[in-house]
Amino acid sequence: WALRARGYEPRVWNRTRERALALGAPAAERPDPAPVVVNTTPLDPPPAPLCIDLRYGPGVEPPPRGFGGLGFLEAQARHQVRLLFGLSL
């Protein structure tokens, strides 16, 4: 929904077409090249000019042109501290 609100037309690639369609976006038949990839799977993301890879943990490196999951996790934690305690980190 956030991508649509910013003018993007997301396509979902999932193991099953039904699960992809349940997310409310057109289902892609395969991971075609795209200008932006948001990877929410444990697998390596396909190449893209910009990649947002939400994986984190030992041995997971952020993509060369994009953002890694550890940065997202840290940003979520900072936001939670602001909401819960009114502190800014």
C-alpha atoms as a PDB file:
ATOM      1  CA  TRP A   1       0.000   0.000   0.000  1.00  0.00           C
ATOM      2  CA  ALA A   2       2.838   2.392   0.809  1.00  0.00           C
ATOM      3  CA  LEU A   3       4.372   1.846  -2.641  1.00  0.00           C
ATOM      4  CA  ARG A   4       1.049   2.499  -4.369  1.00  0.00           C
ATOM      5  CA  ALA A   5       0.562   5.690  -2.355  1.00  0.00           C
ATOM      6  CA  ARG A   6       3.882   6.894  -3.785  1.00  0.00           C
ATOM      7  CA  GLY A   7       2.940   6.186  -7.402  1.00  0.00           C
ATOM      8  CA  TYR A   8       4.527   2.745  -7.853  1.00  0.00           C
ATOM      9  CA  GLU A   9       2.731  -0.202  -9.398  1.00  0.00           C
ATOM     10  CA  PRO A  10       3.992  -3.159  -7.355  1.00  0.00           C
ATOM     11  CA  ARG A  11       3.942  -6.729  -8.616  1.00  0.00           C
ATOM     12  CA  VAL A  12       4.145  -9.635  -6.217  1.00  0.00           C
ATOM     13  CA  TRP A  13       6.146 -12.774  -6.862  1.00  0.00           C
ATOM     14  CA  ASN A  14       5.366 -15.614  -4.491  1.00  0.00           C
ATOM     15  CA  ARG A  15       5.658 -19.393  -4.385  1.00  0.00           C
ATOM     16  CA  THR A  16       1.975 -19.652  -5.256  1.00  0.00           C
ATOM     17  CA  ARG A  17      -0.134 -17.352  -7.406  1.00  0.00           C
ATOM     18  CA  GLU A  18      -2.990 -17.483  -4.892  1.00  0.00           C
ATOM     19  CA  ARG A  19      -0.818 -16.154  -2.070  1.00  0.00           C
ATOM     20  CA  ALA A  20       0.518 -13.391  -4.301  1.00  0.00           C
ATOM     21  CA  LEU A  21      -2.974 -12.297  -5.328  1.00  0.00           C
ATOM     22  CA  ALA A  22      -4.118 -12.341  -1.689  1.00  0.00           C
ATOM     23  CA  LEU A  23      -1.753  -9.423  -1.077  1.00  0.00           C
ATOM     24  CA  GLY A  24      -3.839  -7.213  -3.357  1.00  0.00           C
ATOM     25  CA  ALA A  25      -1.308  -6.554  -6.107  1.00  0.00           C
ATOM     26  CA  PRO A  26      -0.919  -8.112  -9.555  1.00  0.00           C
ATOM     27  CA  ALA A  27       0.990 -11.379  -9.437  1.00  0.00           C
ATOM     28  CA  ALA A  28       4.153 -11.690 -11.502  1.00  0.00           C
ATOM     29  CA  GLU A  29       4.750 -14.990 -13.289  1.00  0.00           C
ATOM     30  CA  ARG A  30       8.472 -14.809 -12.524  1.00  0.00           C
ATOM     31  CA  PRO A  31      10.813 -12.269 -10.919  1.00  0.00           C
ATOM     32  CA  ASP A  32      11.245 -10.070 -13.986  1.00  0.00           C
ATOM     33  CA  PRO A  33      13.791  -7.271 -13.811  1.00  0.00           C
ATOM     34  CA  ALA A  34      12.377  -4.318 -11.942  1.00  0.00           C
ATOM     35  CA  PRO A  35      13.722  -0.864 -11.049  1.00  0.00           C
ATOM     36  CA  VAL A  36      13.110  -1.553  -7.340  1.00  0.00           C
ATOM     37  CA  VAL A  37      12.994  -4.930  -5.577  1.00  0.00           C
ATOM     38  CA  VAL A  38      11.736  -5.337  -2.016  1.00  0.00           C
ATOM     39  CA  ASN A  39      12.895  -8.747  -0.830  1.00  0.00           C
ATOM     40  CA  THR A  40      10.999 -10.200   2.125  1.00  0.00           C
ATOM     41  CA  THR A  41      12.144 -13.796   1.649  1.00  0.00           C
ATOM     42  CA  PRO A  42      15.145 -15.667   3.067  1.00  0.00           C
ATOM     43  CA  LEU A  43      16.468 -16.069  -0.500  1.00  0.00           C
ATOM     44  CA  ASP A  44      18.950 -13.826  -2.280  1.00  0.00           C
ATOM     45  CA  PRO A  45      17.072 -11.078  -4.131  1.00  0.00           C
ATOM     46  CA  PRO A  46      17.218 -10.818  -7.917  1.00  0.00           C
ATOM     47  CA  PRO A  47      19.467  -8.070  -9.315  1.00  0.00           C
ATOM     48  CA  ALA A  48      17.899  -4.616  -9.467  1.00  0.00           C
ATOM     49  CA  PRO A  49      19.063  -0.992  -9.723  1.00  0.00           C
ATOM     50  CA  LEU A  50      17.733  -0.509  -6.175  1.00  0.00           C
ATOM     51  CA  CYS A  51      17.142  -3.323  -3.699  1.00  0.00           C
ATOM     52  CA  ILE A  52      15.536  -3.197  -0.277  1.00  0.00           C
ATOM     53  CA  ASP A  53      16.501  -6.531   1.267  1.00  0.00           C
ATOM     54  CA  LEU A  54      14.813  -7.089   4.626  1.00  0.00           C
ATOM     55  CA  ARG A  55      16.988 -10.069   5.585  1.00  0.00           C
ATOM     56  CA  TYR A  56      19.450  -9.705   8.448  1.00  0.00           C
ATOM     57  CA  GLY A  57      21.635 -11.959  10.539  1.00  0.00           C
ATOM     58  CA  PRO A  58      25.022 -13.655  10.424  1.00  0.00           C
ATOM     59  CA  GLY A  59      26.400 -13.862   6.900  1.00  0.00           C
ATOM     60  CA  VAL A  60      23.735 -11.633   5.328  1.00  0.00           C
ATOM     61  CA  GLU A  61      25.268  -8.646   3.570  1.00  0.00           C
ATOM     62  CA  PRO A  62      23.251  -5.612   2.486  1.00  0.00           C
ATOM     63  CA  PRO A  63      22.856  -5.319  -1.278  1.00  0.00           C
ATOM     64  CA  PRO A  64      25.492  -3.247  -3.103  1.00  0.00           C
ATOM     65  CA  ARG A  65      22.904  -0.695  -4.274  1.00  0.00           C
ATOM     66  CA  GLY A  66      20.229  -0.626  -1.654  1.00  0.00           C
ATOM     67  CA  PHE A  67      19.309  -1.094   1.960  1.00  0.00           C
ATOM     68  CA  GLY A  68      19.694  -4.075   4.263  1.00  0.00           C
ATOM     69  CA  GLY A  69      17.387  -5.561   6.863  1.00  0.00           C
ATOM     70  CA  LEU A  70      19.543  -4.681   9.865  1.00  0.00           C
ATOM     71  CA  GLY A  71      19.109  -0.966   9.148  1.00  0.00           C
ATOM     72  CA  PHE A  72      15.341  -1.465   8.933  1.00  0.00           C
ATOM     73  CA  LEU A  73      15.342  -3.390  12.224  1.00  0.00           C
ATOM     74  CA  GLU A  74      17.340  -0.626  13.940  1.00  0.00           C
ATOM     75  CA  ALA A  75      15.001   2.073  12.570  1.00  0.00           C
ATOM     76  CA  GLN A  76      11.979   0.153  13.864  1.00  0.00           C
ATOM     77  CA  ALA A  77      13.572  -0.130  17.309  1.00  0.00           C
ATOM     78  CA  ARG A  78      14.339   3.619  17.407  1.00  0.00           C
ATOM     79  CA  HIS A  79      10.747   4.406  16.437  1.00  0.00           C
ATOM     80  CA  GLN A  80       9.409   2.094  19.161  1.00  0.00           C
ATOM     81  CA  VAL A  81      11.585   3.802  21.797  1.00  0.00           C
ATOM     82  CA  ARG A  82      10.239   7.189  20.653  1.00  0.00           C
ATOM     83  CA  LEU A  83       6.648   5.943  20.856  1.00  0.00           C
ATOM     84  CA  LEU A  84       7.013   4.158  24.208  1.00  0.00           C
ATOM     85  CA  PHE A  85       9.318   6.478  26.114  1.00  0.00           C
ATOM     86  CA  GLY A  86       9.349   9.774  24.217  1.00  0.00           C
ATOM     87  CA  LEU A  87      13.122   9.460  23.781  1.00  0.00           C
ATOM     88  CA  SER A  88      15.018  10.253  20.606  1.00  0.00           C
ATOM     89  CA  LEU A  89      17.896   7.981  19.590  1.00  0.00           C
END
